[in-house]
Amino acid sequence: MSNDNVMGIISEYKQNNRVKETLHTRAKKGLYKGSNAPYGYEVQEGKLVIKDDKPQTSLEEFLKSTWLEVAVIVSQSDYTMRESLHLLM
């Protein structure tokens, strides 16, 4: 190994440690360390807070409404397929 390779490895190691230490310090202070806030949250002064701009629907309500839409589409396509087969016979 040449001196350049060794110096590069040492430099990269030090930089990785600085990043880890910074993230650890921010986590200890309770500050948000991610990039984009999760859905339904926003970052204010470095902390995650729940958005109040629109009412939050529960996951259960979302899944029920989606399931009903999918069930209607499937039943309509099933009916159409049966009607098409009936016409062919």
PDB file of N, CA and C in Angstrom:
ATOM      1  N   MET A   1       0.845  -1.186   0.000  1.00  0.00           N
ATOM      2  CA  MET A   1       0.000   0.000   0.000  1.00  0.00           C
ATOM      3  C   MET A   1       0.884   1.241   0.000  1.00  0.00           C
ATOM      4  N   SER A   2       0.443   2.208  -0.749  1.00  0.00           N
ATOM      5  CA  SER A   2       1.218   3.447  -0.772  1.00  0.00           C
ATOM      6  C   SER A   2       0.738   4.380   0.338  1.00  0.00           C
ATOM      7  N   ASN A   3       1.531   5.411   0.579  1.00  0.00           N
ATOM      8  CA  ASN A   3       1.175   6.396   1.603  1.00  0.00           C
ATOM      9  C   ASN A   3      -0.141   7.089   1.283  1.00  0.00           C
ATOM     10  N   ASP A   4      -0.406   7.342  -0.008  1.00  0.00           N
ATOM     11  CA  ASP A   4      -1.646   8.019  -0.403  1.00  0.00           C
ATOM     12  C   ASP A   4      -2.871   7.185  -0.029  1.00  0.00           C
ATOM     13  N   ASN A   5      -2.791   5.887  -0.261  1.00  0.00           N
ATOM     14  CA  ASN A   5      -3.911   5.014   0.079  1.00  0.00           C
ATOM     15  C   ASN A   5      -4.161   4.988   1.576  1.00  0.00           C
ATOM     16  N   VAL A   6      -3.112   4.890   2.351  1.00  0.00           N
ATOM     17  CA  VAL A   6      -3.234   4.843   3.805  1.00  0.00           C
ATOM     18  C   VAL A   6      -3.814   6.160   4.325  1.00  0.00           C
ATOM     19  N   MET A   7      -3.321   7.286   3.809  1.00  0.00           N
ATOM     20  CA  MET A   7      -3.819   8.596   4.248  1.00  0.00           C
ATOM     21  C   MET A   7      -5.288   8.764   3.860  1.00  0.00           C
ATOM     22  N   GLY A   8      -5.671   8.253   2.693  1.00  0.00           N
ATOM     23  CA  GLY A   8      -7.068   8.331   2.260  1.00  0.00           C
ATOM     24  C   GLY A   8      -7.978   7.516   3.157  1.00  0.00           C
ATOM     25  N   ILE A   9      -7.533   6.342   3.531  1.00  0.00           N
ATOM     26  CA  ILE A   9      -8.316   5.475   4.412  1.00  0.00           C
ATOM     27  C   ILE A   9      -8.483   6.121   5.778  1.00  0.00           C
ATOM     28  N   ILE A  10      -7.413   6.696   6.311  1.00  0.00           N
ATOM     29  CA  ILE A  10      -7.474   7.356   7.620  1.00  0.00           C
ATOM     30  C   ILE A  10      -8.419   8.547   7.561  1.00  0.00           C
ATOM     31  N   SER A  11      -8.328   9.342   6.497  1.00  0.00           N
ATOM     32  CA  SER A  11      -9.190  10.505   6.335  1.00  0.00           C
ATOM     33  C   SER A  11     -10.662  10.098   6.264  1.00  0.00           C
ATOM     34  N   GLU A  12     -10.949   9.055   5.504  1.00  0.00           N
ATOM     35  CA  GLU A  12     -12.333   8.577   5.373  1.00  0.00           C
ATOM     36  C   GLU A  12     -12.852   8.075   6.717  1.00  0.00           C
ATOM     37  N   TYR A  13     -12.015   7.378   7.465  1.00  0.00           N
ATOM     38  CA  TYR A  13     -12.396   6.871   8.779  1.00  0.00           C
ATOM     39  C   TYR A  13     -12.742   8.018   9.722  1.00  0.00           C
ATOM     40  N   LYS A  14     -11.909   9.063   9.723  1.00  0.00           N
ATOM     41  CA  LYS A  14     -12.164  10.219  10.591  1.00  0.00           C
ATOM     42  C   LYS A  14     -13.463  10.916  10.206  1.00  0.00           C
ATOM     43  N   GLN A  15     -13.711  11.050   8.896  1.00  0.00           N
ATOM     44  CA  GLN A  15     -14.923  11.720   8.439  1.00  0.00           C
ATOM     45  C   GLN A  15     -16.157  10.914   8.849  1.00  0.00           C
ATOM     46  N   ASN A  16     -16.109   9.602   8.694  1.00  0.00           N
ATOM     47  CA  ASN A  16     -17.234   8.754   9.098  1.00  0.00           C
ATOM     48  C   ASN A  16     -17.508   8.881  10.588  1.00  0.00           C
ATOM     49  N   ASN A  17     -16.455   8.947  11.383  1.00  0.00           N
ATOM     50  CA  ASN A  17     -16.636   9.101  12.824  1.00  0.00           C
ATOM     51  C   ASN A  17     -17.273  10.442  13.166  1.00  0.00           C
ATOM     52  N   ARG A  18     -16.863  11.513  12.467  1.00  0.00           N
ATOM     53  CA  ARG A  18     -17.460  12.831  12.720  1.00  0.00           C
ATOM     54  C   ARG A  18     -18.952  12.820  12.401  1.00  0.00           C
ATOM     55  N   VAL A  19     -19.331  12.175  11.297  1.00  0.00           N
ATOM     56  CA  VAL A  19     -20.741  12.102  10.922  1.00  0.00           C
ATOM     57  C   VAL A  19     -21.519  11.320  11.975  1.00  0.00           C
ATOM     58  N   LYS A  20     -20.978  10.179  12.404  1.00  0.00           N
ATOM     59  CA  LYS A  20     -21.646   9.370  13.428  1.00  0.00           C
ATOM     60  C   LYS A  20     -21.807  10.141  14.724  1.00  0.00           C
ATOM     61  N   GLU A  21     -20.768  10.859  15.131  1.00  0.00           N
ATOM     62  CA  GLU A  21     -20.827  11.637  16.368  1.00  0.00           C
ATOM     63  C   GLU A  21     -21.874  12.742  16.273  1.00  0.00           C
ATOM     64  N   THR A  22     -21.946  13.408  15.119  1.00  0.00           N
ATOM     65  CA  THR A  22     -22.927  14.472  14.933  1.00  0.00           C
ATOM     66  C   THR A  22     -24.343  13.915  15.010  1.00  0.00           C
ATOM     67  N   LEU A  23     -24.605  12.805  14.326  1.00  0.00           N
ATOM     68  CA  LEU A  23     -25.930  12.199  14.370  1.00  0.00           C
ATOM     69  C   LEU A  23     -26.283  11.741  15.781  1.00  0.00           C
ATOM     70  N   HIS A  24     -25.317  11.181  16.479  1.00  0.00           N
ATOM     71  CA  HIS A  24     -25.540  10.729  17.862  1.00  0.00           C
ATOM     72  C   HIS A  24     -25.876  11.910  18.767  1.00  0.00           C
ATOM     73  N   THR A  25     -25.147  13.016  18.606  1.00  0.00           N
ATOM     74  CA  THR A  25     -25.400  14.213  19.423  1.00  0.00           C
ATOM     75  C   THR A  25     -26.787  14.773  19.135  1.00  0.00           C
ATOM     76  N   ARG A  26     -27.180  14.845  17.867  1.00  0.00           N
ATOM     77  CA  ARG A  26     -28.501  15.359  17.514  1.00  0.00           C
ATOM     78  C   ARG A  26     -29.595  14.455  18.084  1.00  0.00           C
ATOM     79  N   ALA A  27     -29.377  13.145  18.058  1.00  0.00           N
ATOM     80  CA  ALA A  27     -30.373  12.217  18.599  1.00  0.00           C
ATOM     81  C   ALA A  27     -30.498  12.387  20.108  1.00  0.00           C
ATOM     82  N   LYS A  28     -29.376  12.591  20.803  1.00  0.00           N
ATOM     83  CA  LYS A  28     -29.421  12.813  22.249  1.00  0.00           C
ATOM     84  C   LYS A  28     -30.210  14.067  22.607  1.00  0.00           C
ATOM     85  N   LYS A  29     -30.088  15.096  21.762  1.00  0.00           N
ATOM     86  CA  LYS A  29     -30.809  16.353  22.000  1.00  0.00           C
ATOM     87  C   LYS A  29     -32.277  16.263  21.582  1.00  0.00           C
ATOM     88  N   GLY A  30     -32.661  15.158  20.955  1.00  0.00           N
ATOM     89  CA  GLY A  30     -34.042  14.992  20.519  1.00  0.00           C
ATOM     90  C   GLY A  30     -34.333  15.676  19.199  1.00  0.00           C
ATOM     91  N   LEU A  31     -33.308  16.029  18.449  1.00  0.00           N
ATOM     92  CA  LEU A  31     -33.502  16.697  17.175  1.00  0.00           C
ATOM     93  C   LEU A  31     -33.693  15.671  16.067  1.00  0.00           C
ATOM     94  N   TYR A  32     -34.506  16.030  15.100  1.00  0.00           N
ATOM     95  CA  TYR A  32     -34.765  15.137  13.964  1.00  0.00           C
ATOM     96  C   TYR A  32     -33.553  15.127  13.065  1.00  0.00           C
ATOM     97  N   LYS A  33     -33.073  13.938  12.714  1.00  0.00           N
ATOM     98  CA  LYS A  33     -31.837  13.848  11.940  1.00  0.00           C
ATOM     99  C   LYS A  33     -32.059  13.331  10.519  1.00  0.00           C
ATOM    100  N   GLY A  34     -33.322  13.153  10.120  1.00  0.00           N
ATOM    101  CA  GLY A  34     -33.610  12.624   8.795  1.00  0.00           C
ATOM    102  C   GLY A  34     -33.678  13.701   7.736  1.00  0.00           C
ATOM    103  N   SER A  35     -34.040  13.305   6.531  1.00  0.00           N
ATOM    104  CA  SER A  35     -34.129  14.270   5.436  1.00  0.00           C
ATOM    105  C   SER A  35     -35.553  14.795   5.324  1.00  0.00           C
ATOM    106  N   ASN A  36     -36.462  14.004   4.816  1.00  0.00           N
ATOM    107  CA  ASN A  36     -37.854  14.422   4.701  1.00  0.00           C
ATOM    108  C   ASN A  36     -38.633  13.911   5.898  1.00  0.00           C
ATOM    109  N   ALA A  37     -39.537  14.736   6.373  1.00  0.00           N
ATOM    110  CA  ALA A  37     -40.360  14.324   7.512  1.00  0.00           C
ATOM    111  C   ALA A  37     -41.333  13.234   7.056  1.00  0.00           C
ATOM    112  N   PRO A  38     -41.665  12.292   7.938  1.00  0.00           N
ATOM    113  CA  PRO A  38     -42.639  11.253   7.581  1.00  0.00           C
ATOM    114  C   PRO A  38     -44.001  11.876   7.280  1.00  0.00           C
ATOM    115  N   TYR A  39     -44.855  11.119   6.564  1.00  0.00           N
ATOM    116  CA  TYR A  39     -46.183  11.603   6.209  1.00  0.00           C
ATOM    117  C   TYR A  39     -46.958  11.998   7.459  1.00  0.00           C
ATOM    118  N   GLY A  40     -47.563  13.168   7.412  1.00  0.00           N
ATOM    119  CA  GLY A  40     -48.373  13.640   8.530  1.00  0.00           C
ATOM    120  C   GLY A  40     -47.587  14.423   9.562  1.00  0.00           C
ATOM    121  N   TYR A  41     -46.278  14.583   9.367  1.00  0.00           N
ATOM    122  CA  TYR A  41     -45.423  15.322  10.286  1.00  0.00           C
ATOM    123  C   TYR A  41     -44.707  16.434   9.532  1.00  0.00           C
ATOM    124  N   GLU A  42     -44.226  17.398  10.289  1.00  0.00           N
ATOM    125  CA  GLU A  42     -43.357  18.430   9.733  1.00  0.00           C
ATOM    126  C   GLU A  42     -42.259  18.732  10.743  1.00  0.00           C
ATOM    127  N   VAL A  43     -41.164  19.272  10.261  1.00  0.00           N
ATOM    128  CA  VAL A  43     -40.036  19.593  11.129  1.00  0.00           C
ATOM    129  C   VAL A  43     -40.134  21.073  11.500  1.00  0.00           C
ATOM    130  N   GLN A  44     -40.192  21.337  12.798  1.00  0.00           N
ATOM    131  CA  GLN A  44     -40.205  22.706  13.306  1.00  0.00           C
ATOM    132  C   GLN A  44     -39.111  22.816  14.361  1.00  0.00           C
ATOM    133  N   GLU A  45     -38.192  23.720  14.117  1.00  0.00           N
ATOM    134  CA  GLU A  45     -37.060  23.931  15.033  1.00  0.00           C
ATOM    135  C   GLU A  45     -36.317  22.630  15.310  1.00  0.00           C
ATOM    136  N   GLY A  46     -36.173  21.814  14.292  1.00  0.00           N
ATOM    137  CA  GLY A  46     -35.412  20.581  14.412  1.00  0.00           C
ATOM    138  C   GLY A  46     -36.154  19.416  15.043  1.00  0.00           C
ATOM    139  N   LYS A  47     -37.433  19.598  15.374  1.00  0.00           N
ATOM    140  CA  LYS A  47     -38.202  18.520  16.001  1.00  0.00           C
ATOM    141  C   LYS A  47     -39.395  18.171  15.135  1.00  0.00           C
ATOM    142  N   LEU A  48     -39.802  16.909  15.192  1.00  0.00           N
ATOM    143  CA  LEU A  48     -40.978  16.465  14.445  1.00  0.00           C
ATOM    144  C   LEU A  48     -42.242  16.821  15.203  1.00  0.00           C
ATOM    145  N   VAL A  49     -43.200  17.437  14.508  1.00  0.00           N
ATOM    146  CA  VAL A  49     -44.505  17.721  15.096  1.00  0.00           C
ATOM    147  C   VAL A  49     -45.570  17.262  14.109  1.00  0.00           C
ATOM    148  N   ILE A  50     -46.732  16.887  14.648  1.00  0.00           N
ATOM    149  CA  ILE A  50     -47.833  16.433  13.811  1.00  0.00           C
ATOM    150  C   ILE A  50     -48.436  17.631  13.095  1.00  0.00           C
ATOM    151  N   LYS A  51     -48.698  17.477  11.800  1.00  0.00           N
ATOM    152  CA  LYS A  51     -49.325  18.549  11.021  1.00  0.00           C
ATOM    153  C   LYS A  51     -50.773  18.713  11.466  1.00  0.00           C
ATOM    154  N   ASP A  52     -51.219  19.950  11.542  1.00  0.00           N
ATOM    155  CA  ASP A  52     -52.599  20.221  11.915  1.00  0.00           C
ATOM    156  C   ASP A  52     -53.411  20.759  10.741  1.00  0.00           C
ATOM    157  N   ASP A  53     -52.821  20.808   9.537  1.00  0.00           N
ATOM    158  CA  ASP A  53     -53.484  21.454   8.420  1.00  0.00           C
ATOM    159  C   ASP A  53     -54.696  20.702   7.883  1.00  0.00           C
ATOM    160  N   LYS A  54     -54.726  19.374   8.013  1.00  0.00           N
ATOM    161  CA  LYS A  54     -55.891  18.626   7.551  1.00  0.00           C
ATOM    162  C   LYS A  54     -56.137  17.461   8.496  1.00  0.00           C
ATOM    163  N   PRO A  55     -57.382  17.035   8.592  1.00  0.00           N
ATOM    164  CA  PRO A  55     -57.687  15.938   9.523  1.00  0.00           C
ATOM    165  C   PRO A  55     -56.998  14.651   9.107  1.00  0.00           C
ATOM    166  N   GLN A  56     -56.457  13.967  10.065  1.00  0.00           N
ATOM    167  CA  GLN A  56     -55.777  12.699   9.816  1.00  0.00           C
ATOM    168  C   GLN A  56     -56.803  11.571   9.847  1.00  0.00           C
ATOM    169  N   THR A  57     -56.783  10.746   8.831  1.00  0.00           N
ATOM    170  CA  THR A  57     -57.644   9.571   8.842  1.00  0.00           C
ATOM    171  C   THR A  57     -56.821   8.421   9.401  1.00  0.00           C
ATOM    172  N   SER A  58     -57.510   7.563  10.088  1.00  0.00           N
ATOM    173  CA  SER A  58     -56.795   6.424  10.658  1.00  0.00           C
ATOM    174  C   SER A  58     -56.465   5.432   9.544  1.00  0.00           C
ATOM    175  N   LEU A  59     -55.509   4.607   9.797  1.00  0.00           N
ATOM    176  CA  LEU A  59     -55.120   3.587   8.834  1.00  0.00           C
ATOM    177  C   LEU A  59     -56.289   2.658   8.559  1.00  0.00           C
ATOM    178  N   GLU A  60     -57.048   2.353   9.591  1.00  0.00           N
ATOM    179  CA  GLU A  60     -58.196   1.466   9.426  1.00  0.00           C
ATOM    180  C   GLU A  60     -59.226   2.079   8.478  1.00  0.00           C
ATOM    181  N   GLU A  61     -59.512   3.389   8.644  1.00  0.00           N
ATOM    182  CA  GLU A  61     -60.469   4.060   7.761  1.00  0.00           C
ATOM    183  C   GLU A  61     -59.958   4.074   6.322  1.00  0.00           C
ATOM    184  N   PHE A  62     -58.675   4.347   6.158  1.00  0.00           N
ATOM    185  CA  PHE A  62     -58.078   4.374   4.826  1.00  0.00           C
ATOM    186  C   PHE A  62     -58.200   3.017   4.146  1.00  0.00           C
ATOM    187  N   LEU A  63     -57.855   1.947   4.868  1.00  0.00           N
ATOM    188  CA  LEU A  63     -57.910   0.609   4.293  1.00  0.00           C
ATOM    189  C   LEU A  63     -59.337   0.194   3.961  1.00  0.00           C
ATOM    190  N   LYS A  64     -60.297   0.565   4.837  1.00  0.00           N
ATOM    191  CA  LYS A  64     -61.692   0.220   4.559  1.00  0.00           C
ATOM    192  C   LYS A  64     -62.174   0.906   3.292  1.00  0.00           C
ATOM    193  N   SER A  65     -61.872   2.187   3.129  1.00  0.00           N
ATOM    194  CA  SER A  65     -62.330   2.903   1.943  1.00  0.00           C
ATOM    195  C   SER A  65     -61.650   2.359   0.684  1.00  0.00           C
ATOM    196  N   THR A  66     -60.372   2.058   0.780  1.00  0.00           N
ATOM    197  CA  THR A  66     -59.659   1.505  -0.363  1.00  0.00           C
ATOM    198  C   THR A  66     -60.186   0.122  -0.707  1.00  0.00           C
ATOM    199  N   TRP A  67     -60.435  -0.681   0.308  1.00  0.00           N
ATOM    200  CA  TRP A  67     -60.937  -2.022   0.081  1.00  0.00           C
ATOM    201  C   TRP A  67     -62.289  -1.978  -0.616  1.00  0.00           C
ATOM    202  N   LEU A  68     -63.158  -1.058  -0.199  1.00  0.00           N
ATOM    203  CA  LEU A  68     -64.466  -0.951  -0.831  1.00  0.00           C
ATOM    204  C   LEU A  68     -64.331  -0.571  -2.301  1.00  0.00           C
ATOM    205  N   GLU A  69     -63.445   0.356  -2.608  1.00  0.00           N
ATOM    206  CA  GLU A  69     -63.235   0.758  -4.000  1.00  0.00           C
ATOM    207  C   GLU A  69     -62.730  -0.428  -4.826  1.00  0.00           C
ATOM    208  N   VAL A  70     -61.781  -1.165  -4.290  1.00  0.00           N
ATOM    209  CA  VAL A  70     -61.230  -2.320  -5.006  1.00  0.00           C
ATOM    210  C   VAL A  70     -62.301  -3.392  -5.173  1.00  0.00           C
ATOM    211  N   ALA A  71     -63.084  -3.626  -4.147  1.00  0.00           N
ATOM    212  CA  ALA A  71     -64.135  -4.649  -4.214  1.00  0.00           C
ATOM    213  C   ALA A  71     -65.163  -4.295  -5.284  1.00  0.00           C
ATOM    214  N   VAL A  72     -65.529  -3.027  -5.394  1.00  0.00           N
ATOM    215  CA  VAL A  72     -66.493  -2.601  -6.408  1.00  0.00           C
ATOM    216  C   VAL A  72     -65.924  -2.819  -7.803  1.00  0.00           C
ATOM    217  N   ILE A  73     -64.669  -2.445  -8.010  1.00  0.00           N
ATOM    218  CA  ILE A  73     -64.031  -2.617  -9.321  1.00  0.00           C
ATOM    219  C   ILE A  73     -63.962  -4.088  -9.698  1.00  0.00           C
ATOM    220  N   VAL A  74     -63.577  -4.936  -8.746  1.00  0.00           N
ATOM    221  CA  VAL A  74     -63.467  -6.375  -9.017  1.00  0.00           C
ATOM    222  C   VAL A  74     -64.838  -6.957  -9.332  1.00  0.00           C
ATOM    223  N   SER A  75     -65.859  -6.582  -8.575  1.00  0.00           N
ATOM    224  CA  SER A  75     -67.183  -7.142  -8.833  1.00  0.00           C
ATOM    225  C   SER A  75     -67.724  -6.665 -10.178  1.00  0.00           C
ATOM    226  N   GLN A  76     -67.446  -5.415 -10.557  1.00  0.00           N
ATOM    227  CA  GLN A  76     -67.888  -4.923 -11.863  1.00  0.00           C
ATOM    228  C   GLN A  76     -67.181  -5.659 -12.996  1.00  0.00           C
ATOM    229  N   SER A  77     -65.886  -5.866 -12.841  1.00  0.00           N
ATOM    230  CA  SER A  77     -65.158  -6.569 -13.901  1.00  0.00           C
ATOM    231  C   SER A  77     -65.600  -8.029 -13.978  1.00  0.00           C
ATOM    232  N   ASP A  78     -65.893  -8.637 -12.829  1.00  0.00           N
ATOM    233  CA  ASP A  78     -66.364 -10.019 -12.811  1.00  0.00           C
ATOM    234  C   ASP A  78     -67.710 -10.118 -13.513  1.00  0.00           C
ATOM    235  N   TYR A  79     -68.600  -9.187 -13.228  1.00  0.00           N
ATOM    236  CA  TYR A  79     -69.919  -9.162 -13.871  1.00  0.00           C
ATOM    237  C   TYR A  79     -69.765  -8.990 -15.380  1.00  0.00           C
ATOM    238  N   THR A  80     -68.910  -8.066 -15.804  1.00  0.00           N
ATOM    239  CA  THR A  80     -68.676  -7.820 -17.226  1.00  0.00           C
ATOM    240  C   THR A  80     -68.117  -9.058 -17.902  1.00  0.00           C
ATOM    241  N   MET A  81     -67.200  -9.749 -17.231  1.00  0.00           N
ATOM    242  CA  MET A  81     -66.606 -10.956 -17.807  1.00  0.00           C
ATOM    243  C   MET A  81     -67.669 -12.043 -17.961  1.00  0.00           C
ATOM    244  N   ARG A  82     -68.521 -12.224 -16.952  1.00  0.00           N
ATOM    245  CA  ARG A  82     -69.563 -13.245 -17.031  1.00  0.00           C
ATOM    246  C   ARG A  82     -70.555 -12.924 -18.152  1.00  0.00           C
ATOM    247  N   GLU A  83     -70.903 -11.656 -18.273  1.00  0.00           N
ATOM    248  CA  GLU A  83     -71.819 -11.245 -19.338  1.00  0.00           C
ATOM    249  C   GLU A  83     -71.203 -11.496 -20.715  1.00  0.00           C
ATOM    250  N   SER A  84     -69.911 -11.199 -20.846  1.00  0.00           N
ATOM    251  CA  SER A  84     -69.223 -11.429 -22.117  1.00  0.00           C
ATOM    252  C   SER A  84     -69.186 -12.898 -22.469  1.00  0.00           C
ATOM    253  N   LEU A  85     -68.908 -13.742 -21.477  1.00  0.00           N
ATOM    254  CA  LEU A  85     -68.868 -15.201 -21.709  1.00  0.00           C
ATOM    255  C   LEU A  85     -70.252 -15.719 -22.064  1.00  0.00           C
ATOM    256  N   HIS A  86     -71.282 -15.181 -21.417  1.00  0.00           N
ATOM    257  CA  HIS A  86     -72.653 -15.593 -21.678  1.00  0.00           C
ATOM    258  C   HIS A  86     -73.023 -15.269 -23.125  1.00  0.00           C
ATOM    259  N   LEU A  87     -72.598 -14.129 -23.618  1.00  0.00           N
ATOM    260  CA  LEU A  87     -72.897 -13.728 -24.991  1.00  0.00           C
ATOM    261  C   LEU A  87     -72.173 -14.616 -25.999  1.00  0.00           C
ATOM    262  N   LEU A  88     -71.001 -15.091 -25.647  1.00  0.00           N
ATOM    263  CA  LEU A  88     -70.230 -15.938 -26.552  1.00  0.00           C
ATOM    264  C   LEU A  88     -70.817 -17.333 -26.684  1.00  0.00           C
ATOM    265  N   MET A  89     -71.532 -17.791 -25.672  1.00  0.00           N
ATOM    266  CA  MET A  89     -72.045 -19.172 -25.693  1.00  0.00           C
ATOM    267  C   MET A  89     -73.417 -19.250 -26.252  1.00  0.00           C
TER     268      MET A  89
END
